[in-house]
Amino acid sequence: MNILEQINKKFENFNSRKVEPQVVSEKNINQLISFVDIELPDNYLDILRTGETYAFGVKDASVLIDLYGIHDVLCMDDNYHFFREDVKQGVIIGSDLGDNIYYYGLGKEGLGLYIVGAGTGNYYLEAIKFAGTFTDFFVKGNGIDILDDYLNGIKRA
């Protein structure tokens, strides 16, 4: 079952844009797989295969997740030149439509989903891990509180 069919009820789909889905080929998927130096979860690849971009808000929280389509993901190194220098094993998967990006990869707290400011800081050292897997976050709702605190400027110990 696709992870989007199991999404936690705390999430609201804000994908009201009537945009034609991107055409996604297995060549695109393989290009992404060879581009990153980690194994990407099947449920994330399934999201990319839909060709859609997804924007989710979280009810009663300040959290917004704009997941990029595969063609945008493949171009992220052009937009964030130093990301690959700081995060050797990771891929930018989206943003909060503001000053932060989300990435999946190996960070200072191990493999997982991270948020970090999109500015000129260190994407590895300054990132906050909010969930271990896509399932943990999007299905179980784990990490919503961490993201909400981060986005509201609340520092966690």
N, C-alpha and C. Protein backbone atom coordinates (compact mmCIF):
# COMPACT_ATOMS: atom_id res chain seq x y z
N MET A 1 0.85 -1.19 0.00
CA MET A 1 0.00 0.00 0.00
C MET A 1 0.89 1.24 0.00
N ASN A 2 0.55 2.22 -0.81
CA ASN A 2 1.27 3.47 -0.91
C ASN A 2 1.17 4.23 0.42
N ILE A 3 2.28 4.83 0.83
CA ILE A 3 2.31 5.56 2.11
C ILE A 3 1.28 6.70 2.13
N LEU A 4 0.98 7.26 0.97
CA LEU A 4 0.01 8.36 0.91
C LEU A 4 -1.40 7.89 1.23
N GLU A 5 -1.66 6.61 1.08
CA GLU A 5 -2.97 6.05 1.42
C GLU A 5 -3.07 5.75 2.91
N GLN A 6 -1.94 5.82 3.61
CA GLN A 6 -1.90 5.52 5.04
C GLN A 6 -1.60 6.75 5.87
N ILE A 7 -1.60 7.91 5.27
CA ILE A 7 -1.13 9.12 5.95
C ILE A 7 -1.94 9.40 7.22
N ASN A 8 -1.24 9.83 8.23
CA ASN A 8 -1.82 10.12 9.54
C ASN A 8 -2.89 11.20 9.42
N LYS A 9 -3.93 11.10 10.21
CA LYS A 9 -5.04 12.05 10.17
C LYS A 9 -4.66 13.44 10.66
N LYS A 10 -3.47 13.58 11.26
CA LYS A 10 -3.01 14.89 11.69
C LYS A 10 -2.60 15.76 10.50
N PHE A 11 -2.35 15.12 9.36
CA PHE A 11 -1.91 15.85 8.17
C PHE A 11 -3.10 16.26 7.32
N GLU A 12 -3.00 17.48 6.76
CA GLU A 12 -3.97 17.97 5.80
C GLU A 12 -3.26 18.13 4.47
N ASN A 13 -3.84 17.64 3.41
CA ASN A 13 -3.24 17.78 2.09
C ASN A 13 -3.64 19.14 1.53
N PHE A 14 -2.63 19.98 1.32
CA PHE A 14 -2.87 21.32 0.77
C PHE A 14 -2.60 21.36 -0.72
N ASN A 15 -2.61 20.24 -1.33
CA ASN A 15 -2.26 20.13 -2.75
C ASN A 15 -3.46 20.50 -3.61
N SER A 16 -3.82 21.78 -3.59
CA SER A 16 -4.98 22.20 -4.36
C SER A 16 -4.59 22.68 -5.75
N ARG A 17 -3.29 22.72 -6.03
CA ARG A 17 -2.86 23.16 -7.35
C ARG A 17 -3.29 22.16 -8.42
N LYS A 18 -3.82 22.64 -9.47
CA LYS A 18 -4.21 21.77 -10.57
C LYS A 18 -3.08 21.78 -11.60
N VAL A 19 -2.02 21.10 -11.28
CA VAL A 19 -0.84 21.04 -12.13
C VAL A 19 -0.74 19.64 -12.69
N GLU A 20 -0.41 19.57 -13.96
CA GLU A 20 -0.22 18.26 -14.57
C GLU A 20 0.92 17.54 -13.86
N PRO A 21 0.75 16.26 -13.54
CA PRO A 21 1.85 15.51 -12.93
C PRO A 21 3.06 15.47 -13.86
N GLN A 22 4.22 15.45 -13.26
CA GLN A 22 5.45 15.30 -14.03
C GLN A 22 5.52 13.87 -14.56
N VAL A 23 6.10 13.72 -15.72
CA VAL A 23 6.35 12.38 -16.24
C VAL A 23 7.61 11.87 -15.55
N VAL A 24 7.48 10.75 -14.88
CA VAL A 24 8.60 10.17 -14.15
C VAL A 24 8.90 8.80 -14.75
N SER A 25 10.13 8.64 -15.19
CA SER A 25 10.54 7.36 -15.75
C SER A 25 11.45 6.64 -14.75
N GLU A 26 11.64 5.36 -14.99
CA GLU A 26 12.58 4.61 -14.15
C GLU A 26 13.99 5.15 -14.34
N LYS A 27 14.26 5.75 -15.49
CA LYS A 27 15.56 6.39 -15.71
C LYS A 27 15.74 7.53 -14.71
N ASN A 28 14.67 8.33 -14.47
CA ASN A 28 14.74 9.40 -13.47
C ASN A 28 15.01 8.83 -12.07
N ILE A 29 14.29 7.76 -11.74
CA ILE A 29 14.46 7.13 -10.42
C ILE A 29 15.89 6.62 -10.28
N ASN A 30 16.39 5.95 -11.30
CA ASN A 30 17.76 5.42 -11.25
C ASN A 30 18.79 6.54 -11.19
N GLN A 31 18.50 7.65 -11.86
CA GLN A 31 19.40 8.80 -11.80
C GLN A 31 19.48 9.32 -10.36
N LEU A 32 18.35 9.40 -9.69
CA LEU A 32 18.34 9.84 -8.30
C LEU A 32 19.07 8.85 -7.41
N ILE A 33 18.80 7.58 -7.59
CA ILE A 33 19.45 6.55 -6.77
C ILE A 33 20.96 6.62 -6.92
N SER A 34 21.45 6.83 -8.13
CA SER A 34 22.90 6.91 -8.33
C SER A 34 23.47 8.24 -7.85
N PHE A 35 22.62 9.25 -7.77
CA PHE A 35 23.03 10.59 -7.36
C PHE A 35 23.31 10.66 -5.86
N VAL A 36 22.51 9.96 -5.09
CA VAL A 36 22.69 9.98 -3.63
C VAL A 36 23.48 8.75 -3.22
N ASP A 37 24.14 8.88 -2.09
CA ASP A 37 25.03 7.82 -1.64
C ASP A 37 24.42 7.01 -0.50
N ILE A 38 23.08 6.92 -0.51
CA ILE A 38 22.37 6.14 0.50
C ILE A 38 21.24 5.40 -0.20
N GLU A 39 20.74 4.39 0.47
CA GLU A 39 19.58 3.69 -0.07
C GLU A 39 18.33 4.50 0.26
N LEU A 40 17.55 4.81 -0.76
CA LEU A 40 16.33 5.57 -0.55
C LEU A 40 15.17 4.61 -0.27
N PRO A 41 14.32 4.96 0.70
CA PRO A 41 13.20 4.08 1.05
C PRO A 41 12.23 3.92 -0.11
N ASP A 42 11.70 2.72 -0.26
CA ASP A 42 10.73 2.44 -1.32
C ASP A 42 9.52 3.36 -1.23
N ASN A 43 9.05 3.65 0.00
CA ASN A 43 7.85 4.48 0.10
C ASN A 43 8.11 5.91 -0.37
N TYR A 44 9.34 6.40 -0.24
CA TYR A 44 9.67 7.73 -0.80
C TYR A 44 9.74 7.66 -2.32
N LEU A 45 10.35 6.61 -2.85
CA LEU A 45 10.42 6.45 -4.31
C LEU A 45 9.02 6.31 -4.90
N ASP A 46 8.11 5.64 -4.17
CA ASP A 46 6.72 5.52 -4.64
C ASP A 46 6.05 6.89 -4.74
N ILE A 47 6.33 7.77 -3.78
CA ILE A 47 5.78 9.13 -3.83
C ILE A 47 6.30 9.84 -5.08
N LEU A 48 7.60 9.72 -5.34
CA LEU A 48 8.19 10.38 -6.50
C LEU A 48 7.62 9.83 -7.80
N ARG A 49 7.35 8.54 -7.84
CA ARG A 49 6.83 7.91 -9.07
C ARG A 49 5.45 8.44 -9.46
N THR A 50 4.72 9.01 -8.52
CA THR A 50 3.40 9.55 -8.86
C THR A 50 3.50 10.76 -9.78
N GLY A 51 4.66 11.42 -9.76
CA GLY A 51 4.84 12.61 -10.58
C GLY A 51 4.21 13.86 -9.98
N GLU A 52 3.59 13.72 -8.83
CA GLU A 52 2.92 14.85 -8.17
C GLU A 52 3.87 15.53 -7.19
N THR A 53 3.57 16.79 -6.90
CA THR A 53 4.19 17.44 -5.76
C THR A 53 3.13 17.49 -4.67
N TYR A 54 3.55 17.36 -3.45
CA TYR A 54 2.60 17.31 -2.34
C TYR A 54 2.94 18.36 -1.31
N ALA A 55 1.93 19.02 -0.80
CA ALA A 55 2.09 19.97 0.29
C ALA A 55 1.16 19.55 1.42
N PHE A 56 1.74 19.36 2.59
CA PHE A 56 0.96 18.93 3.75
C PHE A 56 1.13 19.91 4.89
N GLY A 57 0.04 20.21 5.53
CA GLY A 57 0.07 20.95 6.78
C GLY A 57 -0.29 19.99 7.89
N VAL A 58 0.01 20.39 9.10
CA VAL A 58 -0.35 19.57 10.25
C VAL A 58 -1.38 20.34 11.06
N LYS A 59 -2.50 19.69 11.33
CA LYS A 59 -3.57 20.32 12.11
C LYS A 59 -3.03 20.73 13.47
N ASP A 60 -3.39 21.92 13.90
CA ASP A 60 -3.02 22.45 15.21
C ASP A 60 -1.52 22.57 15.42
N ALA A 61 -0.78 22.78 14.34
CA ALA A 61 0.67 22.96 14.43
C ALA A 61 1.12 23.93 13.34
N SER A 62 2.33 24.43 13.47
CA SER A 62 2.88 25.39 12.50
C SER A 62 3.70 24.70 11.42
N VAL A 63 3.40 23.46 11.16
CA VAL A 63 4.22 22.64 10.27
C VAL A 63 3.62 22.61 8.86
N LEU A 64 4.47 22.88 7.87
CA LEU A 64 4.12 22.75 6.46
C LEU A 64 5.24 21.99 5.78
N ILE A 65 4.89 21.00 5.01
CA ILE A 65 5.87 20.19 4.28
C ILE A 65 5.50 20.23 2.81
N ASP A 66 6.37 20.82 2.01
CA ASP A 66 6.19 20.85 0.56
C ASP A 66 7.19 19.85 -0.02
N LEU A 67 6.69 18.67 -0.40
CA LEU A 67 7.58 17.64 -0.96
C LEU A 67 7.81 17.91 -2.44
N TYR A 68 9.06 17.95 -2.84
CA TYR A 68 9.41 18.22 -4.23
C TYR A 68 9.18 17.00 -5.10
N GLY A 69 8.86 17.25 -6.37
CA GLY A 69 8.82 16.20 -7.37
C GLY A 69 10.24 15.82 -7.76
N ILE A 70 10.37 14.71 -8.45
CA ILE A 70 11.71 14.17 -8.74
C ILE A 70 12.59 15.12 -9.53
N HIS A 71 12.02 15.84 -10.48
CA HIS A 71 12.84 16.74 -11.29
C HIS A 71 13.39 17.89 -10.45
N ASP A 72 12.61 18.36 -9.49
CA ASP A 72 13.10 19.38 -8.57
C ASP A 72 14.17 18.82 -7.64
N VAL A 73 13.97 17.61 -7.17
CA VAL A 73 14.95 16.97 -6.29
C VAL A 73 16.29 16.84 -7.01
N LEU A 74 16.24 16.44 -8.27
CA LEU A 74 17.48 16.26 -9.02
C LEU A 74 18.21 17.58 -9.26
N CYS A 75 17.53 18.70 -9.15
CA CYS A 75 18.15 20.02 -9.38
C CYS A 75 18.57 20.72 -8.09
N MET A 76 18.34 20.12 -6.95
CA MET A 76 18.58 20.82 -5.70
C MET A 76 20.04 21.21 -5.48
N ASP A 77 20.98 20.46 -5.98
CA ASP A 77 22.39 20.86 -5.81
C ASP A 77 22.68 22.18 -6.49
N ASP A 78 21.92 22.51 -7.54
CA ASP A 78 22.09 23.81 -8.20
C ASP A 78 21.63 24.95 -7.29
N ASN A 79 20.60 24.68 -6.48
CA ASN A 79 20.05 25.71 -5.60
C ASN A 79 20.78 25.81 -4.26
N TYR A 80 21.28 24.70 -3.78
CA TYR A 80 21.96 24.64 -2.48
C TYR A 80 23.35 24.05 -2.70
N HIS A 81 24.24 24.91 -3.16
CA HIS A 81 25.57 24.48 -3.62
C HIS A 81 26.37 23.72 -2.56
N PHE A 82 26.22 24.09 -1.31
CA PHE A 82 27.07 23.52 -0.27
C PHE A 82 26.43 22.32 0.44
N PHE A 83 25.21 22.00 0.07
CA PHE A 83 24.55 20.87 0.74
C PHE A 83 25.36 19.59 0.61
N ARG A 84 25.79 19.26 -0.58
CA ARG A 84 26.51 18.01 -0.82
C ARG A 84 27.85 17.99 -0.09
N GLU A 85 28.47 19.17 0.10
CA GLU A 85 29.72 19.23 0.87
C GLU A 85 29.47 18.89 2.33
N ASP A 86 28.35 19.37 2.88
CA ASP A 86 28.06 19.16 4.29
C ASP A 86 27.40 17.82 4.56
N VAL A 87 26.50 17.40 3.69
CA VAL A 87 25.76 16.15 3.88
C VAL A 87 26.14 15.22 2.74
N LYS A 88 27.09 14.35 3.01
CA LYS A 88 27.63 13.47 1.96
C LYS A 88 26.61 12.43 1.52
N GLN A 89 25.75 12.01 2.45
CA GLN A 89 24.78 10.97 2.15
C GLN A 89 23.38 11.49 2.47
N GLY A 90 22.80 12.20 1.51
CA GLY A 90 21.47 12.74 1.74
C GLY A 90 20.91 13.37 0.49
N VAL A 91 19.61 13.67 0.56
CA VAL A 91 18.92 14.28 -0.56
C VAL A 91 17.86 15.25 -0.02
N ILE A 92 17.84 16.45 -0.59
CA ILE A 92 16.83 17.43 -0.21
C ILE A 92 15.50 16.98 -0.80
N ILE A 93 14.50 16.85 0.07
CA ILE A 93 13.20 16.31 -0.37
C ILE A 93 12.10 17.36 -0.42
N GLY A 94 12.33 18.52 0.20
CA GLY A 94 11.29 19.54 0.20
C GLY A 94 11.66 20.72 1.06
N SER A 95 10.65 21.56 1.31
CA SER A 95 10.86 22.75 2.13
C SER A 95 9.59 23.05 2.91
N ASP A 96 9.70 24.07 3.76
CA ASP A 96 8.51 24.55 4.48
C ASP A 96 7.93 25.78 3.79
N LEU A 97 8.34 26.00 2.53
CA LEU A 97 7.96 27.17 1.73
C LEU A 97 8.44 28.46 2.37
N GLY A 98 9.45 28.33 3.22
CA GLY A 98 10.04 29.48 3.88
C GLY A 98 11.55 29.36 3.88
N ASP A 99 12.12 29.45 5.05
CA ASP A 99 13.57 29.49 5.19
C ASP A 99 14.20 28.14 5.51
N ASN A 100 13.45 27.07 5.45
CA ASN A 100 13.97 25.76 5.85
C ASN A 100 13.79 24.72 4.75
N ILE A 101 14.72 23.78 4.73
CA ILE A 101 14.61 22.64 3.83
C ILE A 101 14.52 21.36 4.65
N TYR A 102 13.92 20.36 4.04
CA TYR A 102 13.85 19.02 4.62
C TYR A 102 14.76 18.12 3.81
N TYR A 103 15.48 17.26 4.50
CA TYR A 103 16.26 16.26 3.77
C TYR A 103 16.18 14.91 4.44
N TYR A 104 16.37 13.88 3.63
CA TYR A 104 16.49 12.52 4.11
C TYR A 104 17.95 12.14 3.94
N GLY A 105 18.55 11.63 5.00
CA GLY A 105 19.94 11.25 4.86
C GLY A 105 20.58 10.93 6.18
N LEU A 106 21.89 10.82 6.11
CA LEU A 106 22.71 10.51 7.27
C LEU A 106 23.18 11.82 7.87
N GLY A 107 22.63 12.14 9.02
CA GLY A 107 22.99 13.35 9.74
C GLY A 107 23.71 13.00 11.03
N LYS A 108 23.89 13.99 11.86
CA LYS A 108 24.64 13.78 13.09
C LYS A 108 23.93 12.85 14.07
N GLU A 109 22.63 12.63 13.87
CA GLU A 109 21.87 11.70 14.72
C GLU A 109 21.51 10.42 13.96
N GLY A 110 22.25 10.10 12.92
CA GLY A 110 21.99 8.89 12.16
C GLY A 110 21.07 9.13 10.98
N LEU A 111 20.63 8.06 10.37
CA LEU A 111 19.79 8.12 9.18
C LEU A 111 18.37 8.57 9.55
N GLY A 112 17.81 9.48 8.76
CA GLY A 112 16.45 9.90 9.03
C GLY A 112 16.06 11.16 8.29
N LEU A 113 14.97 11.76 8.73
CA LEU A 113 14.43 12.99 8.18
C LEU A 113 14.89 14.16 9.04
N TYR A 114 15.40 15.19 8.36
CA TYR A 114 15.96 16.35 9.04
C TYR A 114 15.35 17.64 8.50
N ILE A 115 15.39 18.68 9.33
CA ILE A 115 15.07 20.03 8.91
C ILE A 115 16.26 20.90 9.24
N VAL A 116 16.52 21.87 8.38
CA VAL A 116 17.65 22.78 8.59
C VAL A 116 17.38 24.08 7.84
N GLY A 117 17.92 25.17 8.36
CA GLY A 117 17.81 26.45 7.68
C GLY A 117 18.45 26.37 6.31
N ALA A 118 17.85 27.02 5.34
CA ALA A 118 18.32 26.94 3.96
C ALA A 118 19.38 27.99 3.66
N GLY A 119 19.89 28.67 4.68
CA GLY A 119 20.86 29.73 4.47
C GLY A 119 22.27 29.23 4.23
N THR A 120 23.22 29.94 4.78
CA THR A 120 24.62 29.65 4.51
C THR A 120 25.32 28.89 5.62
N GLY A 121 24.58 28.36 6.57
CA GLY A 121 25.18 27.59 7.66
C GLY A 121 25.59 26.21 7.20
N ASN A 122 25.90 25.36 8.17
CA ASN A 122 26.31 23.99 7.88
C ASN A 122 25.08 23.08 7.94
N TYR A 123 24.75 22.49 6.81
CA TYR A 123 23.54 21.67 6.69
C TYR A 123 23.61 20.40 7.53
N TYR A 124 24.80 19.93 7.84
CA TYR A 124 24.98 18.73 8.66
C TYR A 124 24.90 19.09 10.14
N LEU A 125 25.72 20.03 10.57
CA LEU A 125 25.83 20.35 11.99
C LEU A 125 24.59 21.03 12.55
N GLU A 126 23.90 21.81 11.74
CA GLU A 126 22.77 22.59 12.23
C GLU A 126 21.42 21.90 12.06
N ALA A 127 21.40 20.76 11.40
CA ALA A 127 20.13 20.07 11.13
C ALA A 127 19.58 19.40 12.39
N ILE A 128 18.27 19.35 12.45
CA ILE A 128 17.55 18.70 13.55
C ILE A 128 16.82 17.49 12.97
N LYS A 129 17.08 16.33 13.55
CA LYS A 129 16.36 15.12 13.13
C LYS A 129 14.99 15.13 13.78
N PHE A 130 13.96 14.91 12.96
CA PHE A 130 12.61 14.88 13.52
C PHE A 130 11.94 13.52 13.38
N ALA A 131 12.45 12.64 12.54
CA ALA A 131 11.88 11.30 12.42
C ALA A 131 12.91 10.36 11.81
N GLY A 132 12.78 9.08 12.13
CA GLY A 132 13.70 8.10 11.61
C GLY A 132 13.37 7.64 10.20
N THR A 133 12.08 7.58 9.88
CA THR A 133 11.66 7.09 8.57
C THR A 133 10.44 7.89 8.09
N PHE A 134 10.13 7.73 6.81
CA PHE A 134 8.92 8.35 6.26
C PHE A 134 7.68 7.77 6.93
N THR A 135 7.69 6.49 7.21
CA THR A 135 6.56 5.85 7.89
C THR A 135 6.39 6.40 9.29
N ASP A 136 7.51 6.54 10.03
CA ASP A 136 7.43 7.10 11.38
C ASP A 136 6.73 8.46 11.35
N PHE A 137 7.10 9.28 10.38
CA PHE A 137 6.56 10.64 10.35
C PHE A 137 5.16 10.71 9.73
N PHE A 138 5.03 10.24 8.51
CA PHE A 138 3.77 10.44 7.78
C PHE A 138 2.66 9.49 8.17
N VAL A 139 2.98 8.32 8.69
CA VAL A 139 1.95 7.36 9.08
C VAL A 139 1.71 7.39 10.59
N LYS A 140 2.79 7.34 11.35
CA LYS A 140 2.67 7.30 12.82
C LYS A 140 2.57 8.69 13.45
N GLY A 141 3.01 9.71 12.73
CA GLY A 141 2.95 11.06 13.27
C GLY A 141 4.10 11.40 14.21
N ASN A 142 5.08 10.52 14.30
CA ASN A 142 6.24 10.78 15.17
C ASN A 142 7.06 11.94 14.62
N GLY A 143 7.44 12.85 15.48
CA GLY A 143 8.30 13.96 15.09
C GLY A 143 7.57 15.25 14.78
N ILE A 144 6.25 15.22 14.73
CA ILE A 144 5.50 16.45 14.48
C ILE A 144 5.80 17.47 15.56
N ASP A 145 5.87 17.03 16.82
CA ASP A 145 6.15 17.95 17.92
C ASP A 145 7.54 18.56 17.81
N ILE A 146 8.51 17.79 17.34
CA ILE A 146 9.87 18.30 17.16
C ILE A 146 9.89 19.38 16.09
N LEU A 147 9.22 19.12 14.98
CA LEU A 147 9.14 20.12 13.91
C LEU A 147 8.42 21.38 14.37
N ASP A 148 7.32 21.21 15.06
CA ASP A 148 6.55 22.36 15.52
C ASP A 148 7.39 23.22 16.45
N ASP A 149 8.11 22.59 17.37
CA ASP A 149 8.98 23.35 18.27
C ASP A 149 10.06 24.09 17.47
N TYR A 150 10.70 23.41 16.55
CA TYR A 150 11.76 24.02 15.74
C TYR A 150 11.23 25.24 14.98
N LEU A 151 10.09 25.07 14.33
CA LEU A 151 9.52 26.14 13.52
C LEU A 151 9.00 27.30 14.35
N ASN A 152 8.77 27.05 15.63
CA ASN A 152 8.34 28.11 16.54
C ASN A 152 9.49 28.65 17.39
N GLY A 153 10.72 28.25 17.04
CA GLY A 153 11.89 28.77 17.73
C GLY A 153 12.15 28.19 19.10
N ILE A 154 11.52 27.07 19.42
CA ILE A 154 11.70 26.44 20.73
C ILE A 154 12.86 25.47 20.64
N LYS A 155 13.89 25.69 21.43
CA LYS A 155 15.08 24.84 21.44
C LYS A 155 14.84 23.63 22.33
N ARG A 156 15.23 22.47 21.84
CA ARG A 156 15.12 21.24 22.64
C ARG A 156 16.50 20.89 23.17
N ALA A 157 16.52 20.31 24.33
CA ALA A 157 17.81 19.91 24.94
C ALA A 157 18.36 18.67 24.31
